Amino acid sequence: LLFRLCGDFNPLHADPAAANAAGFERPILH
């Protein structure tokens, strides 16, 4: 959540639903 402020707002790293849809149990680190 801190690192995304550097400019990478891919929801995979912040939104649990987006992470689950991509096959991850929770948001992953960039």
mmCIF file of all heavy atoms, coordinates in Angstrom:
data_MODEL
# 
_entry.id   MODEL 
# 
loop_
_atom_site.group_PDB 
_atom_site.id 
_atom_site.type_symbol 
_atom_site.label_atom_id 
_atom_site.label_alt_id 
_atom_site.label_comp_id 
_atom_site.label_asym_id 
_atom_site.label_entity_id 
_atom_site.label_seq_id 
_atom_site.pdbx_PDB_ins_code 
_atom_site.Cartn_x 
_atom_site.Cartn_y 
_atom_site.Cartn_z 
_atom_site.occupancy 
_atom_site.B_iso_or_equiv 
_atom_site.pdbx_formal_charge 
_atom_site.auth_seq_id 
_atom_site.auth_comp_id 
_atom_site.auth_asym_id 
_atom_site.auth_atom_id 
_atom_site.pdbx_PDB_model_num 
ATOM 1   N N   . LEU A 1 1  ? 0.832   -1.205  0.000   1.00 0.00 ? 1  LEU A N   1 
ATOM 2   C CA  . LEU A 1 1  ? 0.000   0.000   0.000   1.00 0.00 ? 1  LEU A CA  1 
ATOM 3   C C   . LEU A 1 1  ? 0.867   1.256   0.000   1.00 0.00 ? 1  LEU A C   1 
ATOM 4   O O   . LEU A 1 1  ? 0.496   2.278   -0.589  1.00 0.00 ? 1  LEU A O   1 
ATOM 5   C CB  . LEU A 1 1  ? -0.925  -0.004  1.220   1.00 0.00 ? 1  LEU A CB  1 
ATOM 6   C CG  . LEU A 1 1  ? -1.936  -1.149  1.276   1.00 0.00 ? 1  LEU A CG  1 
ATOM 7   C CD1 . LEU A 1 1  ? -2.732  -1.087  2.581   1.00 0.00 ? 1  LEU A CD1 1 
ATOM 8   C CD2 . LEU A 1 1  ? -2.868  -1.114  0.072   1.00 0.00 ? 1  LEU A CD2 1 
ATOM 9   N N   . LEU A 1 2  ? 2.025   1.179   0.656   1.00 0.00 ? 2  LEU A N   1 
ATOM 10  C CA  . LEU A 1 2  ? 2.963   2.297   0.626   1.00 0.00 ? 2  LEU A CA  1 
ATOM 11  C C   . LEU A 1 2  ? 3.659   2.387   -0.724  1.00 0.00 ? 2  LEU A C   1 
ATOM 12  O O   . LEU A 1 2  ? 3.719   3.463   -1.336  1.00 0.00 ? 2  LEU A O   1 
ATOM 13  C CB  . LEU A 1 2  ? 3.998   2.135   1.747   1.00 0.00 ? 2  LEU A CB  1 
ATOM 14  C CG  . LEU A 1 2  ? 5.163   3.139   1.765   1.00 0.00 ? 2  LEU A CG  1 
ATOM 15  C CD1 . LEU A 1 2  ? 4.639   4.558   1.950   1.00 0.00 ? 2  LEU A CD1 1 
ATOM 16  C CD2 . LEU A 1 2  ? 6.155   2.789   2.872   1.00 0.00 ? 2  LEU A CD2 1 
ATOM 17  N N   . PHE A 1 3  ? 4.147   1.244   -1.224  1.00 0.00 ? 3  PHE A N   1 
ATOM 18  C CA  . PHE A 1 3  ? 4.925   1.274   -2.462  1.00 0.00 ? 3  PHE A CA  1 
ATOM 19  C C   . PHE A 1 3  ? 4.079   1.707   -3.655  1.00 0.00 ? 3  PHE A C   1 
ATOM 20  O O   . PHE A 1 3  ? 4.603   2.329   -4.590  1.00 0.00 ? 3  PHE A O   1 
ATOM 21  C CB  . PHE A 1 3  ? 5.554   -0.090  -2.728  1.00 0.00 ? 3  PHE A CB  1 
ATOM 22  C CG  . PHE A 1 3  ? 6.537   -0.073  -3.870  1.00 0.00 ? 3  PHE A CG  1 
ATOM 23  C CD1 . PHE A 1 3  ? 7.843   0.335   -3.663  1.00 0.00 ? 3  PHE A CD1 1 
ATOM 24  C CD2 . PHE A 1 3  ? 6.158   -0.434  -5.153  1.00 0.00 ? 3  PHE A CD2 1 
ATOM 25  C CE1 . PHE A 1 3  ? 8.750   0.388   -4.707  1.00 0.00 ? 3  PHE A CE1 1 
ATOM 26  C CE2 . PHE A 1 3  ? 7.052   -0.398  -6.208  1.00 0.00 ? 3  PHE A CE2 1 
ATOM 27  C CZ  . PHE A 1 3  ? 8.351   0.017   -5.988  1.00 0.00 ? 3  PHE A CZ  1 
ATOM 28  N N   . ARG A 1 4  ? 2.792   1.398   -3.667  1.00 0.00 ? 4  ARG A N   1 
ATOM 29  C CA  . ARG A 1 4  ? 1.964   1.778   -4.810  1.00 0.00 ? 4  ARG A CA  1 
ATOM 30  C C   . ARG A 1 4  ? 1.930   3.295   -5.002  1.00 0.00 ? 4  ARG A C   1 
ATOM 31  O O   . ARG A 1 4  ? 1.675   3.784   -6.110  1.00 0.00 ? 4  ARG A O   1 
ATOM 32  C CB  . ARG A 1 4  ? 0.551   1.198   -4.674  1.00 0.00 ? 4  ARG A CB  1 
ATOM 33  C CG  . ARG A 1 4  ? -0.288  1.833   -3.585  1.00 0.00 ? 4  ARG A CG  1 
ATOM 34  C CD  . ARG A 1 4  ? -1.512  0.987   -3.256  1.00 0.00 ? 4  ARG A CD  1 
ATOM 35  N NE  . ARG A 1 4  ? -2.382  0.814   -4.411  1.00 0.00 ? 4  ARG A NE  1 
ATOM 36  C CZ  . ARG A 1 4  ? -3.457  1.570   -4.660  1.00 0.00 ? 4  ARG A CZ  1 
ATOM 37  N NH1 . ARG A 1 4  ? -3.773  2.559   -3.838  1.00 0.00 ? 4  ARG A NH1 1 
ATOM 38  N NH2 . ARG A 1 4  ? -4.211  1.346   -5.719  1.00 0.00 ? 4  ARG A NH2 1 
ATOM 39  N N   . LEU A 1 5  ? 2.208   4.067   -3.935  1.00 0.00 ? 5  LEU A N   1 
ATOM 40  C CA  . LEU A 1 5  ? 2.246   5.519   -4.058  1.00 0.00 ? 5  LEU A CA  1 
ATOM 41  C C   . LEU A 1 5  ? 3.428   5.995   -4.893  1.00 0.00 ? 5  LEU A C   1 
ATOM 42  O O   . LEU A 1 5  ? 3.486   7.160   -5.281  1.00 0.00 ? 5  LEU A O   1 
ATOM 43  C CB  . LEU A 1 5  ? 2.289   6.163   -2.666  1.00 0.00 ? 5  LEU A CB  1 
ATOM 44  C CG  . LEU A 1 5  ? 1.104   5.843   -1.749  1.00 0.00 ? 5  LEU A CG  1 
ATOM 45  C CD1 . LEU A 1 5  ? 1.259   6.550   -0.415  1.00 0.00 ? 5  LEU A CD1 1 
ATOM 46  C CD2 . LEU A 1 5  ? -0.213  6.213   -2.408  1.00 0.00 ? 5  LEU A CD2 1 
ATOM 47  N N   . CYS A 1 6  ? 4.365   5.085   -5.193  1.00 0.00 ? 6  CYS A N   1 
ATOM 48  C CA  . CYS A 1 6  ? 5.467   5.416   -6.105  1.00 0.00 ? 6  CYS A CA  1 
ATOM 49  C C   . CYS A 1 6  ? 4.992   5.451   -7.559  1.00 0.00 ? 6  CYS A C   1 
ATOM 50  O O   . CYS A 1 6  ? 5.752   5.848   -8.446  1.00 0.00 ? 6  CYS A O   1 
ATOM 51  C CB  . CYS A 1 6  ? 6.600   4.401   -5.956  1.00 0.00 ? 6  CYS A CB  1 
ATOM 52  S SG  . CYS A 1 6  ? 7.400   4.415   -4.334  1.00 0.00 ? 6  CYS A SG  1 
ATOM 53  N N   . GLY A 1 7  ? 3.755   5.002   -7.816  1.00 0.00 ? 7  GLY A N   1 
ATOM 54  C CA  . GLY A 1 7  ? 3.209   5.137   -9.162  1.00 0.00 ? 7  GLY A CA  1 
ATOM 55  C C   . GLY A 1 7  ? 2.672   3.872   -9.790  1.00 0.00 ? 7  GLY A C   1 
ATOM 56  O O   . GLY A 1 7  ? 2.166   3.910   -10.907 1.00 0.00 ? 7  GLY A O   1 
ATOM 57  N N   . ASP A 1 8  ? 2.719   2.737   -9.068  1.00 0.00 ? 8  ASP A N   1 
ATOM 58  C CA  . ASP A 1 8  ? 2.211   1.477   -9.622  1.00 0.00 ? 8  ASP A CA  1 
ATOM 59  C C   . ASP A 1 8  ? 0.911   1.124   -8.909  1.00 0.00 ? 8  ASP A C   1 
ATOM 60  O O   . ASP A 1 8  ? 0.915   0.564   -7.821  1.00 0.00 ? 8  ASP A O   1 
ATOM 61  C CB  . ASP A 1 8  ? 3.243   0.363   -9.456  1.00 0.00 ? 8  ASP A CB  1 
ATOM 62  C CG  . ASP A 1 8  ? 2.837   -0.920  -10.175 1.00 0.00 ? 8  ASP A CG  1 
ATOM 63  O OD1 . ASP A 1 8  ? 1.640   -1.088  -10.455 1.00 0.00 ? 8  ASP A OD1 1 
ATOM 64  O OD2 . ASP A 1 8  ? 3.723   -1.747  -10.449 1.00 0.00 ? 8  ASP A OD2 1 
ATOM 65  N N   . PHE A 1 9  ? -0.220  1.462   -9.556  1.00 0.00 ? 9  PHE A N   1 
ATOM 66  C CA  . PHE A 1 9  ? -1.527  1.308   -8.917  1.00 0.00 ? 9  PHE A CA  1 
ATOM 67  C C   . PHE A 1 9  ? -2.275  0.057   -9.383  1.00 0.00 ? 9  PHE A C   1 
ATOM 68  O O   . PHE A 1 9  ? -3.497  -0.013  -9.286  1.00 0.00 ? 9  PHE A O   1 
ATOM 69  C CB  . PHE A 1 9  ? -2.374  2.561   -9.157  1.00 0.00 ? 9  PHE A CB  1 
ATOM 70  C CG  . PHE A 1 9  ? -1.849  3.779   -8.458  1.00 0.00 ? 9  PHE A CG  1 
ATOM 71  C CD1 . PHE A 1 9  ? -1.062  4.701   -9.145  1.00 0.00 ? 9  PHE A CD1 1 
ATOM 72  C CD2 . PHE A 1 9  ? -2.093  3.989   -7.123  1.00 0.00 ? 9  PHE A CD2 1 
ATOM 73  C CE1 . PHE A 1 9  ? -0.558  5.821   -8.503  1.00 0.00 ? 9  PHE A CE1 1 
ATOM 74  C CE2 . PHE A 1 9  ? -1.597  5.102   -6.469  1.00 0.00 ? 9  PHE A CE2 1 
ATOM 75  C CZ  . PHE A 1 9  ? -0.822  6.023   -7.149  1.00 0.00 ? 9  PHE A CZ  1 
ATOM 76  N N   . ASN A 1 10 ? -1.554  -0.932  -9.886  1.00 0.00 ? 10 ASN A N   1 
ATOM 77  C CA  . ASN A 1 10 ? -2.179  -2.194  -10.262 1.00 0.00 ? 10 ASN A CA  1 
ATOM 78  C C   . ASN A 1 10 ? -2.946  -2.742  -9.057  1.00 0.00 ? 10 ASN A C   1 
ATOM 79  O O   . ASN A 1 10 ? -2.356  -2.947  -7.986  1.00 0.00 ? 10 ASN A O   1 
ATOM 80  C CB  . ASN A 1 10 ? -1.100  -3.185  -10.717 1.00 0.00 ? 10 ASN A CB  1 
ATOM 81  C CG  . ASN A 1 10 ? -1.682  -4.460  -11.309 1.00 0.00 ? 10 ASN A CG  1 
ATOM 82  O OD1 . ASN A 1 10 ? -2.772  -4.904  -10.956 1.00 0.00 ? 10 ASN A OD1 1 
ATOM 83  N ND2 . ASN A 1 10 ? -0.939  -5.062  -12.219 1.00 0.00 ? 10 ASN A ND2 1 
ATOM 84  N N   . PRO A 1 11 ? -4.258  -3.000  -9.181  1.00 0.00 ? 11 PRO A N   1 
ATOM 85  C CA  . PRO A 1 11 ? -5.043  -3.463  -8.027  1.00 0.00 ? 11 PRO A CA  1 
ATOM 86  C C   . PRO A 1 11 ? -4.600  -4.801  -7.474  1.00 0.00 ? 11 PRO A C   1 
ATOM 87  O O   . PRO A 1 11 ? -4.959  -5.162  -6.350  1.00 0.00 ? 11 PRO A O   1 
ATOM 88  C CB  . PRO A 1 11 ? -6.471  -3.522  -8.581  1.00 0.00 ? 11 PRO A CB  1 
ATOM 89  C CG  . PRO A 1 11 ? -6.332  -3.599  -10.061 1.00 0.00 ? 11 PRO A CG  1 
ATOM 90  C CD  . PRO A 1 11 ? -5.092  -2.820  -10.392 1.00 0.00 ? 11 PRO A CD  1 
ATOM 91  N N   . LEU A 1 12 ? -3.807  -5.538  -8.235  1.00 0.00 ? 12 LEU A N   1 
ATOM 92  C CA  . LEU A 1 12 ? -3.266  -6.809  -7.773  1.00 0.00 ? 12 LEU A CA  1 
ATOM 93  C C   . LEU A 1 12 ? -2.515  -6.653  -6.456  1.00 0.00 ? 12 LEU A C   1 
ATOM 94  O O   . LEU A 1 12 ? -2.409  -7.593  -5.671  1.00 0.00 ? 12 LEU A O   1 
ATOM 95  C CB  . LEU A 1 12 ? -2.322  -7.359  -8.849  1.00 0.00 ? 12 LEU A CB  1 
ATOM 96  C CG  . LEU A 1 12 ? -1.664  -8.713  -8.653  1.00 0.00 ? 12 LEU A CG  1 
ATOM 97  C CD1 . LEU A 1 12 ? -2.717  -9.810  -8.631  1.00 0.00 ? 12 LEU A CD1 1 
ATOM 98  C CD2 . LEU A 1 12 ? -0.649  -8.976  -9.767  1.00 0.00 ? 12 LEU A CD2 1 
ATOM 99  N N   . HIS A 1 13 ? -2.010  -5.432  -6.190  1.00 0.00 ? 13 HIS A N   1 
ATOM 100 C CA  . HIS A 1 13 ? -1.180  -5.191  -5.013  1.00 0.00 ? 13 HIS A CA  1 
ATOM 101 C C   . HIS A 1 13 ? -1.945  -4.528  -3.867  1.00 0.00 ? 13 HIS A C   1 
ATOM 102 O O   . HIS A 1 13 ? -1.350  -4.256  -2.819  1.00 0.00 ? 13 HIS A O   1 
ATOM 103 C CB  . HIS A 1 13 ? 0.010   -4.315  -5.396  1.00 0.00 ? 13 HIS A CB  1 
ATOM 104 C CG  . HIS A 1 13 ? 0.799   -4.853  -6.544  1.00 0.00 ? 13 HIS A CG  1 
ATOM 105 N ND1 . HIS A 1 13 ? 1.508   -6.030  -6.466  1.00 0.00 ? 13 HIS A ND1 1 
ATOM 106 C CD2 . HIS A 1 13 ? 0.958   -4.402  -7.816  1.00 0.00 ? 13 HIS A CD2 1 
ATOM 107 C CE1 . HIS A 1 13 ? 2.085   -6.266  -7.633  1.00 0.00 ? 13 HIS A CE1 1 
ATOM 108 N NE2 . HIS A 1 13 ? 1.764   -5.301  -8.466  1.00 0.00 ? 13 HIS A NE2 1 
ATOM 109 N N   . ALA A 1 14 ? -3.241  -4.293  -4.063  1.00 0.00 ? 14 ALA A N   1 
ATOM 110 C CA  . ALA A 1 14 ? -3.993  -3.585  -3.028  1.00 0.00 ? 14 ALA A CA  1 
ATOM 111 C C   . ALA A 1 14 ? -5.395  -4.140  -2.797  1.00 0.00 ? 14 ALA A C   1 
ATOM 112 O O   . ALA A 1 14 ? -5.918  -4.039  -1.689  1.00 0.00 ? 14 ALA A O   1 
ATOM 113 C CB  . ALA A 1 14 ? -4.092  -2.095  -3.387  1.00 0.00 ? 14 ALA A CB  1 
ATOM 114 N N   . ASP A 1 15 ? -5.998  -4.705  -3.819  1.00 0.00 ? 15 ASP A N   1 
ATOM 115 C CA  . ASP A 1 15 ? -7.395  -5.134  -3.760  1.00 0.00 ? 15 ASP A CA  1 
ATOM 116 C C   . ASP A 1 15 ? -7.457  -6.656  -3.597  1.00 0.00 ? 15 ASP A C   1 
ATOM 117 O O   . ASP A 1 15 ? -7.079  -7.398  -4.514  1.00 0.00 ? 15 ASP A O   1 
ATOM 118 C CB  . ASP A 1 15 ? -8.105  -4.705  -5.044  1.00 0.00 ? 15 ASP A CB  1 
ATOM 119 C CG  . ASP A 1 15 ? -9.576  -5.077  -5.058  1.00 0.00 ? 15 ASP A CG  1 
ATOM 120 O OD1 . ASP A 1 15 ? -10.052 -5.699  -4.090  1.00 0.00 ? 15 ASP A OD1 1 
ATOM 121 O OD2 . ASP A 1 15 ? -10.257 -4.748  -6.054  1.00 0.00 ? 15 ASP A OD2 1 
ATOM 122 N N   . PRO A 1 16 ? -7.933  -7.152  -2.446  1.00 0.00 ? 16 PRO A N   1 
ATOM 123 C CA  . PRO A 1 16 ? -7.996  -8.610  -2.252  1.00 0.00 ? 16 PRO A CA  1 
ATOM 124 C C   . PRO A 1 16 ? -8.807  -9.324  -3.335  1.00 0.00 ? 16 PRO A C   1 
ATOM 125 O O   . PRO A 1 16 ? -8.439  -10.435 -3.753  1.00 0.00 ? 16 PRO A O   1 
ATOM 126 C CB  . PRO A 1 16 ? -8.651  -8.752  -0.876  1.00 0.00 ? 16 PRO A CB  1 
ATOM 127 C CG  . PRO A 1 16 ? -8.307  -7.483  -0.161  1.00 0.00 ? 16 PRO A CG  1 
ATOM 128 C CD  . PRO A 1 16 ? -8.324  -6.423  -1.224  1.00 0.00 ? 16 PRO A CD  1 
ATOM 129 N N   . ALA A 1 17 ? -9.886  -8.706  -3.808  1.00 0.00 ? 17 ALA A N   1 
ATOM 130 C CA  . ALA A 1 17 ? -10.704 -9.338  -4.844  1.00 0.00 ? 17 ALA A CA  1 
ATOM 131 C C   . ALA A 1 17 ? -9.924  -9.472  -6.144  1.00 0.00 ? 17 ALA A C   1 
ATOM 132 O O   . ALA A 1 17 ? -9.997  -10.511 -6.827  1.00 0.00 ? 17 ALA A O   1 
ATOM 133 C CB  . ALA A 1 17 ? -11.985 -8.535  -5.065  1.00 0.00 ? 17 ALA A CB  1 
ATOM 134 N N   . ALA A 1 18 ? -9.164  -8.429  -6.510  1.00 0.00 ? 18 ALA A N   1 
ATOM 135 C CA  . ALA A 1 18 ? -8.351  -8.493  -7.732  1.00 0.00 ? 18 ALA A CA  1 
ATOM 136 C C   . ALA A 1 18 ? -7.252  -9.538  -7.591  1.00 0.00 ? 18 ALA A C   1 
ATOM 137 O O   . ALA A 1 18 ? -6.947  -10.255 -8.557  1.00 0.00 ? 18 ALA A O   1 
ATOM 138 C CB  . ALA A 1 18 ? -7.743  -7.115  -8.026  1.00 0.00 ? 18 ALA A CB  1 
ATOM 139 N N   . ALA A 1 19 ? -6.656  -9.629  -6.411  1.00 0.00 ? 19 ALA A N   1 
ATOM 140 C CA  . ALA A 1 19 ? -5.616  -10.642 -6.183  1.00 0.00 ? 19 ALA A CA  1 
ATOM 141 C C   . ALA A 1 19 ? -6.206  -12.051 -6.278  1.00 0.00 ? 19 ALA A C   1 
ATOM 142 O O   . ALA A 1 19 ? -5.612  -12.934 -6.903  1.00 0.00 ? 19 ALA A O   1 
ATOM 143 C CB  . ALA A 1 19 ? -4.958  -10.422 -4.818  1.00 0.00 ? 19 ALA A CB  1 
ATOM 144 N N   . ASN A 1 20 ? -7.379  -12.264 -5.686  1.00 0.00 ? 20 ASN A N   1 
ATOM 145 C CA  . ASN A 1 20 ? -8.033  -13.570 -5.756  1.00 0.00 ? 20 ASN A CA  1 
ATOM 146 C C   . ASN A 1 20 ? -8.364  -13.947 -7.193  1.00 0.00 ? 20 ASN A C   1 
ATOM 147 O O   . ASN A 1 20 ? -8.167  -15.095 -7.615  1.00 0.00 ? 20 ASN A O   1 
ATOM 148 C CB  . ASN A 1 20 ? -9.318  -13.575 -4.926  1.00 0.00 ? 20 ASN A CB  1 
ATOM 149 C CG  . ASN A 1 20 ? -9.074  -13.501 -3.427  1.00 0.00 ? 20 ASN A CG  1 
ATOM 150 O OD1 . ASN A 1 20 ? -9.970  -13.147 -2.667  1.00 0.00 ? 20 ASN A OD1 1 
ATOM 151 N ND2 . ASN A 1 20 ? -7.853  -13.798 -2.980  1.00 0.00 ? 20 ASN A ND2 1 
ATOM 152 N N   . ALA A 1 21 ? -8.844  -12.963 -7.976  1.00 0.00 ? 21 ALA A N   1 
ATOM 153 C CA  . ALA A 1 21 ? -9.193  -13.229 -9.369  1.00 0.00 ? 21 ALA A CA  1 
ATOM 154 C C   . ALA A 1 21 ? -7.968  -13.620 -10.189 1.00 0.00 ? 21 ALA A C   1 
ATOM 155 O O   . ALA A 1 21 ? -8.081  -14.349 -11.184 1.00 0.00 ? 21 ALA A O   1 
ATOM 156 C CB  . ALA A 1 21 ? -9.873  -11.997 -9.973  1.00 0.00 ? 21 ALA A CB  1 
ATOM 157 N N   . ALA A 1 22 ? -6.796  -13.133 -9.770  1.00 0.00 ? 22 ALA A N   1 
ATOM 158 C CA  . ALA A 1 22 ? -5.550  -13.460 -10.470 1.00 0.00 ? 22 ALA A CA  1 
ATOM 159 C C   . ALA A 1 22 ? -4.905  -14.739 -9.945  1.00 0.00 ? 22 ALA A C   1 
ATOM 160 O O   . ALA A 1 22 ? -3.837  -15.128 -10.424 1.00 0.00 ? 22 ALA A O   1 
ATOM 161 C CB  . ALA A 1 22 ? -4.566  -12.296 -10.348 1.00 0.00 ? 22 ALA A CB  1 
ATOM 162 N N   . GLY A 1 23 ? -5.543  -15.364 -8.940  1.00 0.00 ? 23 GLY A N   1 
ATOM 163 C CA  . GLY A 1 23 ? -5.042  -16.634 -8.443  1.00 0.00 ? 23 GLY A CA  1 
ATOM 164 C C   . GLY A 1 23 ? -4.192  -16.549 -7.192  1.00 0.00 ? 23 GLY A C   1 
ATOM 165 O O   . GLY A 1 23 ? -3.542  -17.532 -6.816  1.00 0.00 ? 23 GLY A O   1 
ATOM 166 N N   . PHE A 1 24 ? -4.197  -15.385 -6.515  1.00 0.00 ? 24 PHE A N   1 
ATOM 167 C CA  . PHE A 1 24 ? -3.407  -15.211 -5.304  1.00 0.00 ? 24 PHE A CA  1 
ATOM 168 C C   . PHE A 1 24 ? -4.332  -15.133 -4.092  1.00 0.00 ? 24 PHE A C   1 
ATOM 169 O O   . PHE A 1 24 ? -5.431  -14.580 -4.169  1.00 0.00 ? 24 PHE A O   1 
ATOM 170 C CB  . PHE A 1 24 ? -2.543  -13.950 -5.385  1.00 0.00 ? 24 PHE A CB  1 
ATOM 171 C CG  . PHE A 1 24 ? -1.553  -13.973 -6.525  1.00 0.00 ? 24 PHE A CG  1 
ATOM 172 C CD1 . PHE A 1 24 ? -1.782  -13.222 -7.675  1.00 0.00 ? 24 PHE A CD1 1 
ATOM 173 C CD2 . PHE A 1 24 ? -0.414  -14.760 -6.459  1.00 0.00 ? 24 PHE A CD2 1 
ATOM 174 C CE1 . PHE A 1 24 ? -0.884  -13.251 -8.731  1.00 0.00 ? 24 PHE A CE1 1 
ATOM 175 C CE2 . PHE A 1 24 ? 0.485   -14.796 -7.509  1.00 0.00 ? 24 PHE A CE2 1 
ATOM 176 C CZ  . PHE A 1 24 ? 0.252   -14.040 -8.651  1.00 0.00 ? 24 PHE A CZ  1 
ATOM 177 N N   . GLU A 1 25 ? -3.862  -15.650 -2.963  1.00 0.00 ? 25 GLU A N   1 
ATOM 178 C CA  . GLU A 1 25 ? -4.698  -15.674 -1.767  1.00 0.00 ? 25 GLU A CA  1 
ATOM 179 C C   . GLU A 1 25 ? -4.919  -14.283 -1.189  1.00 0.00 ? 25 GLU A C   1 
ATOM 180 O O   . GLU A 1 25 ? -5.907  -14.039 -0.492  1.00 0.00 ? 25 GLU A O   1 
ATOM 181 C CB  . GLU A 1 25 ? -4.064  -16.582 -0.705  1.00 0.00 ? 25 GLU A CB  1 
ATOM 182 C CG  . GLU A 1 25 ? -2.698  -16.110 -0.222  1.00 0.00 ? 25 GLU A CG  1 
ATOM 183 C CD  . GLU A 1 25 ? -2.055  -17.086 0.744   1.00 0.00 ? 25 GLU A CD  1 
ATOM 184 O OE1 . GLU A 1 25 ? -1.751  -18.211 0.332   1.00 0.00 ? 25 GLU A OE1 1 
ATOM 185 O OE2 . GLU A 1 25 ? -1.865  -16.700 1.917   1.00 0.00 ? 25 GLU A OE2 1 
ATOM 186 N N   . ARG A 1 26 ? -3.996  -13.369 -1.472  1.00 0.00 ? 26 ARG A N   1 
ATOM 187 C CA  . ARG A 1 26 ? -4.099  -11.982 -1.006  1.00 0.00 ? 26 ARG A CA  1 
ATOM 188 C C   . ARG A 1 26 ? -3.194  -11.111 -1.865  1.00 0.00 ? 26 ARG A C   1 
ATOM 189 O O   . ARG A 1 26 ? -2.396  -11.638 -2.657  1.00 0.00 ? 26 ARG A O   1 
ATOM 190 C CB  . ARG A 1 26 ? -3.734  -11.861 0.472   1.00 0.00 ? 26 ARG A CB  1 
ATOM 191 C CG  . ARG A 1 26 ? -2.390  -12.452 0.864   1.00 0.00 ? 26 ARG A CG  1 
ATOM 192 C CD  . ARG A 1 26 ? -2.292  -12.586 2.365   1.00 0.00 ? 26 ARG A CD  1 
ATOM 193 N NE  . ARG A 1 26 ? -1.151  -13.352 2.813   1.00 0.00 ? 26 ARG A NE  1 
ATOM 194 C CZ  . ARG A 1 26 ? -0.004  -12.831 3.237   1.00 0.00 ? 26 ARG A CZ  1 
ATOM 195 N NH1 . ARG A 1 26 ? 0.150   -11.512 3.246   1.00 0.00 ? 26 ARG A NH1 1 
ATOM 196 N NH2 . ARG A 1 26 ? 0.990   -13.603 3.650   1.00 0.00 ? 26 ARG A NH2 1 
ATOM 197 N N   . PRO A 1 27 ? -3.306  -9.787  -1.757  1.00 0.00 ? 27 PRO A N   1 
ATOM 198 C CA  . PRO A 1 27 ? -2.459  -8.919  -2.587  1.00 0.00 ? 27 PRO A CA  1 
ATOM 199 C C   . PRO A 1 27 ? -0.972  -9.232  -2.400  1.00 0.00 ? 27 PRO A C   1 
ATOM 200 O O   . PRO A 1 27 ? -0.518  -9.525  -1.293  1.00 0.00 ? 27 PRO A O   1 
ATOM 201 C CB  . PRO A 1 27 ? -2.818  -7.512  -2.085  1.00 0.00 ? 27 PRO A CB  1 
ATOM 202 C CG  . PRO A 1 27 ? -4.232  -7.644  -1.616  1.00 0.00 ? 27 PRO A CG  1 
ATOM 203 C CD  . PRO A 1 27 ? -4.303  -9.016  -0.977  1.00 0.00 ? 27 PRO A CD  1 
ATOM 204 N N   . ILE A 1 28 ? -0.238  -9.161  -3.497  1.00 0.00 ? 28 ILE A N   1 
ATOM 205 C CA  . ILE A 1 28 ? 1.187   -9.469  -3.475  1.00 0.00 ? 28 ILE A CA  1 
ATOM 206 C C   . ILE A 1 28 ? 1.999   -8.179  -3.559  1.00 0.00 ? 28 ILE A C   1 
ATOM 207 O O   . ILE A 1 28 ? 1.488   -7.124  -3.961  1.00 0.00 ? 28 ILE A O   1 
ATOM 208 C CB  . ILE A 1 28 ? 1.580   -10.421 -4.618  1.00 0.00 ? 28 ILE A CB  1 
ATOM 209 C CG1 . ILE A 1 28 ? 1.307   -9.767  -5.990  1.00 0.00 ? 28 ILE A CG1 1 
ATOM 210 C CG2 . ILE A 1 28 ? 0.848   -11.742 -4.496  1.00 0.00 ? 28 ILE A CG2 1 
ATOM 211 C CD1 . ILE A 1 28 ? 1.794   -10.583 -7.186  1.00 0.00 ? 28 ILE A CD1 1 
ATOM 212 N N   . LEU A 1 29 ? 3.265   -8.271  -3.190  1.00 0.00 ? 29 LEU A N   1 
ATOM 213 C CA  . LEU A 1 29 ? 4.157   -7.124  -3.259  1.00 0.00 ? 29 LEU A CA  1 
ATOM 214 C C   . LEU A 1 29 ? 4.585   -6.896  -4.703  1.00 0.00 ? 29 LEU A C   1 
ATOM 215 O O   . LEU A 1 29 ? 4.735   -7.838  -5.485  1.00 0.00 ? 29 LEU A O   1 
ATOM 216 C CB  . LEU A 1 29 ? 5.382   -7.372  -2.383  1.00 0.00 ? 29 LEU A CB  1 
ATOM 217 C CG  . LEU A 1 29 ? 6.242   -6.165  -2.007  1.00 0.00 ? 29 LEU A CG  1 
ATOM 218 C CD1 . LEU A 1 29 ? 5.439   -5.139  -1.211  1.00 0.00 ? 29 LEU A CD1 1 
ATOM 219 C CD2 . LEU A 1 29 ? 7.460   -6.607  -1.206  1.00 0.00 ? 29 LEU A CD2 1 
ATOM 220 N N   . HIS A 1 30 ? 4.782   -5.651  -5.080  1.00 0.00 ? 30 HIS A N   1 
ATOM 221 C CA  . HIS A 1 30 ? 5.242   -5.317  -6.417  1.00 0.00 ? 30 HIS A CA  1 
ATOM 222 C C   . HIS A 1 30 ? 6.625   -5.925  -6.678  1.00 0.00 ? 30 HIS A C   1 
ATOM 223 O O   . HIS A 1 30 ? 7.498   -5.903  -5.802  1.00 0.00 ? 30 HIS A O   1 
ATOM 224 C CB  . HIS A 1 30 ? 5.380   -3.793  -6.579  1.00 0.00 ? 30 HIS A CB  1 
ATOM 225 C CG  . HIS A 1 30 ? 4.142   -3.017  -6.236  1.00 0.00 ? 30 HIS A CG  1 
ATOM 226 N ND1 . HIS A 1 30 ? 3.666   -2.900  -4.949  1.00 0.00 ? 30 HIS A ND1 1 
ATOM 227 C CD2 . HIS A 1 30 ? 3.303   -2.284  -7.019  1.00 0.00 ? 30 HIS A CD2 1 
ATOM 228 C CE1 . HIS A 1 30 ? 2.580   -2.141  -4.946  1.00 0.00 ? 30 HIS A CE1 1 
ATOM 229 N NE2 . HIS A 1 30 ? 2.343   -1.765  -6.183  1.00 0.00 ? 30 HIS A NE2 1 
# 
